Amino acid sequence: MTITQAMVLAAGLGTRMRPITDTMPKPLVPVAGRPMIDYALDVLADAGVTCAAVNVHHFADRVEAHLQAYPRMEILISDERAHLMNSGGGLAKGLRLLEPGLLYVMNADLFWIGEIPGRKTNLQRLAEFFDPATMDMALLCVPLERTTGHNGKKDFQLDPDGRLSRYREGGDNPVVYAGAIVMHSSLFDDAPEDAFNLNIYFDRAIANGRLHGLVMEGHWITVGTPEALPQAEAVIARLPVEV
């Protein structure tokens, strides 16, 4: 199954990245010489995405100008200049720019390296894993020991049947949410029109046994603080990103 559209969440203020983000938007902060958001866009393009909606707020004009020059897919701007919509509200607003159907949701401040050459990408595997009959969302996950830049929090525990539940201390098979989702846009048909957190939909899906997870291949990197930048670049130097 090839999914051709995506929503990229890129409108945050990047407050934890200050003072860097006092003068530039977080999605354009360079990591090993490339804007952070390009890593996310590239993994989407590698998976077959041809159109993505991207929300903008902080230094929105600069982000928009950069996205207009991105060559590998059509970019639609979900404008949050006037009002930030949080993760769930931003996704719901961006969905209005896309066609009804399956899509990827991707955070702009993370990516992964070290996928196995010749095999399907992590996002392609996630698309094949997703079953709308039994799942509201399929989340890409990663064990804590294969992360760089993360705060150490274990987000979920992955059951043997692939279901996710909130991690509880001592639980089996803890995983970190890797910031990528496959879902059908109809899931948000009842979404509020104001700002809300995506965790509301995670918890609803958990309660109904419909949040599932797939463990990614490779090493996951998130860049949320200035201290995470040299850590990310050191990992990239050891295991380069294919571009």
Protein backbone atom coordinates (compact mmCIF):
# COMPACT_ATOMS: atom_id res chain seq x y z
CA MET A 1 0.00 0.00 0.00
CA THR A 2 1.42 3.39 -1.01
CA ILE A 3 0.26 6.43 0.95
CA THR A 4 0.78 9.62 -1.05
CA GLN A 5 -0.17 12.37 1.41
CA ALA A 6 1.02 13.54 4.80
CA MET A 7 0.64 16.14 7.51
CA VAL A 8 3.85 17.53 9.02
CA LEU A 9 3.55 19.22 12.41
CA ALA A 10 6.02 22.13 12.35
CA ALA A 11 4.27 25.09 14.00
CA GLY A 12 5.70 24.95 17.51
CA LEU A 13 7.56 27.85 19.09
CA GLY A 14 10.66 25.78 19.78
CA THR A 15 11.00 27.28 23.26
CA ARG A 16 13.32 24.52 24.49
CA MET A 17 15.68 25.34 21.60
CA ARG A 18 16.28 28.91 22.79
CA PRO A 19 18.40 30.94 22.26
CA ILE A 20 18.73 29.40 18.77
CA THR A 21 15.03 29.85 18.07
CA ASP A 22 15.08 33.49 19.15
CA THR A 23 16.40 34.26 15.67
CA MET A 24 15.19 31.38 13.48
CA PRO A 25 12.34 28.86 13.30
CA LYS A 26 13.00 25.45 14.79
CA PRO A 27 12.24 23.53 11.54
CA LEU A 28 15.11 25.39 9.83
CA VAL A 29 17.72 24.78 12.53
CA PRO A 30 20.59 23.04 10.71
CA VAL A 31 21.52 19.51 11.75
CA ALA A 32 24.74 18.29 10.11
CA GLY A 33 24.35 21.08 7.56
CA ARG A 34 20.72 20.48 6.60
CA PRO A 35 17.50 22.09 7.89
CA MET A 36 15.86 19.83 10.42
CA ILE A 37 12.55 19.64 8.56
CA ASP A 38 14.21 18.34 5.39
CA TYR A 39 15.03 15.06 7.10
CA ALA A 40 11.33 14.52 7.85
CA LEU A 41 10.27 15.55 4.34
CA ASP A 42 12.85 13.22 2.82
CA VAL A 43 11.63 10.12 4.69
CA LEU A 44 8.08 10.96 3.55
CA ALA A 45 9.20 11.37 -0.06
CA ASP A 46 11.16 8.11 0.15
CA ALA A 47 7.93 6.38 1.23
CA GLY A 48 6.01 7.69 -1.81
CA VAL A 49 4.40 10.88 -0.48
CA THR A 50 3.71 13.41 -3.24
CA CYS A 51 1.77 16.04 -1.26
CA ALA A 52 2.16 17.23 2.33
CA ALA A 53 0.43 19.86 4.42
CA VAL A 54 2.79 21.63 6.84
CA ASN A 55 1.61 23.96 9.59
CA VAL A 56 3.55 27.16 10.29
CA HIS A 57 3.60 29.81 13.03
CA HIS A 58 7.00 30.89 14.43
CA PHE A 59 8.95 32.80 11.73
CA ALA A 60 6.25 31.50 9.40
CA ASP A 61 7.40 33.48 6.35
CA ARG A 62 10.85 31.92 6.47
CA VAL A 63 9.49 28.40 6.86
CA GLU A 64 7.03 28.93 4.02
CA ALA A 65 9.75 30.25 1.70
CA HIS A 66 11.91 27.24 2.44
CA LEU A 67 9.07 24.80 1.85
CA GLN A 68 8.19 26.40 -1.49
CA ALA A 69 11.66 25.47 -2.71
CA TYR A 70 11.52 21.85 -1.52
CA PRO A 71 11.71 19.81 -4.73
CA ARG A 72 10.41 16.33 -3.93
CA MET A 73 6.70 16.93 -3.25
CA GLU A 74 3.93 19.51 -3.33
CA ILE A 75 3.74 21.44 -0.07
CA LEU A 76 0.51 23.00 1.20
CA ILE A 77 0.74 25.54 4.00
CA SER A 78 -1.58 25.25 6.98
CA ASP A 79 -1.37 28.77 8.36
CA GLU A 80 -1.34 29.11 12.14
CA ARG A 81 0.19 32.59 12.23
CA ALA A 82 -2.81 34.00 14.09
CA HIS A 83 -3.44 31.16 16.49
CA LEU A 84 -1.48 28.04 17.46
CA MET A 85 -3.65 24.93 17.38
CA ASN A 86 -1.54 22.47 19.45
CA SER A 87 -0.77 19.03 18.02
CA GLY A 88 -4.32 17.74 17.61
CA GLY A 89 -5.86 21.01 16.47
CA GLY A 90 -3.01 21.55 14.04
CA LEU A 91 -3.53 18.11 12.55
CA ALA A 92 -7.28 18.62 12.27
CA LYS A 93 -6.79 21.96 10.50
CA GLY A 94 -4.18 20.59 8.14
CA LEU A 95 -6.39 17.66 7.16
CA ARG A 96 -8.79 20.11 5.52
CA LEU A 97 -6.11 20.81 2.90
CA LEU A 98 -5.70 17.13 2.01
CA GLU A 99 -7.88 14.60 0.24
CA PRO A 100 -9.97 12.26 2.42
CA GLY A 101 -8.14 8.99 2.93
CA LEU A 102 -5.03 7.46 4.43
CA LEU A 103 -2.12 9.68 5.40
CA TYR A 104 1.09 9.86 7.37
CA VAL A 105 1.44 12.30 10.27
CA MET A 106 5.01 13.32 11.03
CA ASN A 107 6.68 15.58 13.57
CA ALA A 108 9.19 18.00 12.04
CA ASP A 109 11.87 17.76 14.74
CA LEU A 110 12.81 14.10 14.45
CA PHE A 111 14.08 11.54 11.98
CA TRP A 112 15.89 8.23 11.85
CA ILE A 113 18.95 6.78 10.21
CA GLY A 114 20.25 3.29 9.59
CA GLU A 115 17.33 1.71 7.73
CA ILE A 116 18.34 -1.52 6.01
CA PRO A 117 19.20 -0.90 2.33
CA GLY A 118 17.00 -2.77 -0.13
CA ARG A 119 14.17 -3.22 2.37
CA LYS A 120 10.97 -1.25 2.67
CA THR A 121 11.34 1.96 4.64
CA ASN A 122 9.97 2.35 8.13
CA LEU A 123 7.04 4.40 6.84
CA GLN A 124 6.26 1.89 4.11
CA ARG A 125 6.28 -0.88 6.72
CA LEU A 126 3.98 1.21 8.92
CA ALA A 127 1.56 1.71 6.02
CA GLU A 128 1.39 -2.04 5.39
CA PHE A 129 0.96 -2.69 9.11
CA PHE A 130 -2.03 -0.36 9.45
CA ASP A 131 -5.41 -2.12 9.41
CA PRO A 132 -8.33 0.33 9.52
CA ALA A 133 -10.68 -2.47 10.56
CA THR A 134 -8.87 -2.93 13.88
CA MET A 135 -6.86 0.28 14.33
CA ASP A 136 -7.56 3.98 14.72
CA MET A 137 -3.85 4.76 14.40
CA ALA A 138 -0.61 2.89 13.85
CA LEU A 139 2.35 4.54 15.59
CA LEU A 140 5.99 4.07 14.72
CA CYS A 141 7.85 3.20 17.92
CA VAL A 142 11.45 2.66 19.01
CA PRO A 143 13.15 1.12 22.06
CA LEU A 144 14.75 3.72 24.32
CA GLU A 145 18.24 2.32 23.74
CA ARG A 146 18.01 3.20 20.03
CA THR A 147 17.28 6.90 20.58
CA THR A 148 19.39 10.07 20.68
CA GLY A 149 18.20 13.39 22.09
CA HIS A 150 15.20 11.89 23.88
CA ASN A 151 14.42 12.83 27.48
CA GLY A 152 14.35 9.20 28.63
CA LYS A 153 10.58 8.97 29.00
CA LYS A 154 9.00 5.66 28.05
CA ASP A 155 5.74 6.53 26.32
CA PHE A 156 3.96 3.23 25.75
CA GLN A 157 4.26 -0.47 26.28
CA LEU A 158 3.81 -2.71 23.27
CA ASP A 159 1.77 -5.83 23.84
CA PRO A 160 2.52 -9.10 21.97
CA ASP A 161 -0.52 -8.50 19.74
CA GLY A 162 0.80 -5.07 18.68
CA ARG A 163 -1.52 -3.01 20.85
CA LEU A 164 -0.17 0.01 22.69
CA SER A 165 -1.02 1.15 26.19
CA ARG A 166 0.45 3.90 28.36
CA TYR A 167 3.67 2.79 29.98
CA ARG A 168 3.52 1.95 33.65
CA GLU A 169 6.66 1.47 35.72
CA GLY A 170 7.80 -2.13 35.49
CA GLY A 171 5.73 -2.84 32.40
CA ASP A 172 6.97 -5.14 29.65
CA ASN A 173 8.34 -4.01 26.29
CA PRO A 174 8.47 -0.22 26.84
CA VAL A 175 8.81 1.92 23.70
CA VAL A 176 9.15 5.57 22.73
CA TYR A 177 6.70 7.13 20.27
CA ALA A 178 8.83 7.92 17.22
CA GLY A 179 6.63 10.78 15.97
CA ALA A 180 5.10 9.10 12.91
CA ILE A 181 1.53 7.88 12.46
CA VAL A 182 -0.58 6.20 9.80
CA MET A 183 -4.31 6.91 10.05
CA HIS A 184 -7.40 7.62 7.99
CA SER A 185 -8.51 11.23 7.86
CA SER A 186 -12.06 10.25 8.82
CA LEU A 187 -10.84 9.63 12.37
CA PHE A 188 -10.86 13.42 12.82
CA ASP A 189 -14.29 14.05 11.33
CA ASP A 190 -15.53 14.84 14.86
CA ALA A 191 -12.45 16.83 15.91
CA PRO A 192 -12.90 20.12 17.81
CA GLU A 193 -12.24 23.28 15.83
CA ASP A 194 -10.11 24.85 18.55
CA ALA A 195 -6.69 23.87 19.89
CA PHE A 196 -6.32 20.47 21.52
CA ASN A 197 -3.64 17.87 22.18
CA LEU A 198 -3.27 14.76 20.04
CA ASN A 199 -3.01 12.68 23.22
CA ILE A 200 -6.79 12.87 23.47
CA TYR A 201 -7.04 10.64 20.39
CA PHE A 202 -4.26 8.35 21.59
CA ASP A 203 -6.06 7.73 24.87
CA ARG A 204 -9.41 7.24 23.16
CA ALA A 205 -7.84 4.65 20.84
CA ILE A 206 -6.17 2.90 23.79
CA ALA A 207 -9.49 2.69 25.61
CA ASN A 208 -11.02 1.01 22.58
CA GLY A 209 -8.06 -1.31 21.97
CA ARG A 210 -7.37 0.43 18.65
CA LEU A 211 -3.93 2.02 19.13
CA HIS A 212 -1.22 -0.18 17.65
CA GLY A 213 2.52 0.17 17.29
CA LEU A 214 5.29 -1.04 15.02
CA VAL A 215 8.93 -1.03 16.07
CA MET A 216 11.11 0.83 13.58
CA GLU A 217 14.44 -0.23 12.14
CA GLY A 218 17.53 1.93 12.63
CA HIS A 219 18.35 4.70 15.09
CA TRP A 220 15.94 7.49 16.04
CA ILE A 221 17.03 11.09 16.58
CA THR A 222 15.07 13.99 18.02
CA VAL A 223 16.44 17.53 18.30
CA GLY A 224 14.52 19.47 20.92
CA THR A 225 17.26 21.35 22.77
CA PRO A 226 20.58 23.00 21.84
CA GLU A 227 22.36 20.21 23.72
CA ALA A 228 20.76 17.63 21.42
CA LEU A 229 22.36 19.14 18.31
CA PRO A 230 25.94 17.89 18.82
CA GLN A 231 24.57 14.54 19.98
CA ALA A 232 22.57 14.19 16.76
CA GLU A 233 25.48 15.25 14.58
CA ALA A 234 27.80 12.76 16.28
CA VAL A 235 25.39 9.91 15.53
CA ILE A 236 24.98 11.06 11.93
CA ALA A 237 28.76 11.16 11.52
CA ARG A 238 28.94 7.53 12.65
CA LEU A 239 25.97 6.32 10.62
CA PRO A 240 25.28 8.75 7.76
CA VAL A 241 21.81 9.50 6.47
CA GLU A 242 21.18 8.35 2.92
CA VAL A 243 20.27 11.35 0.78
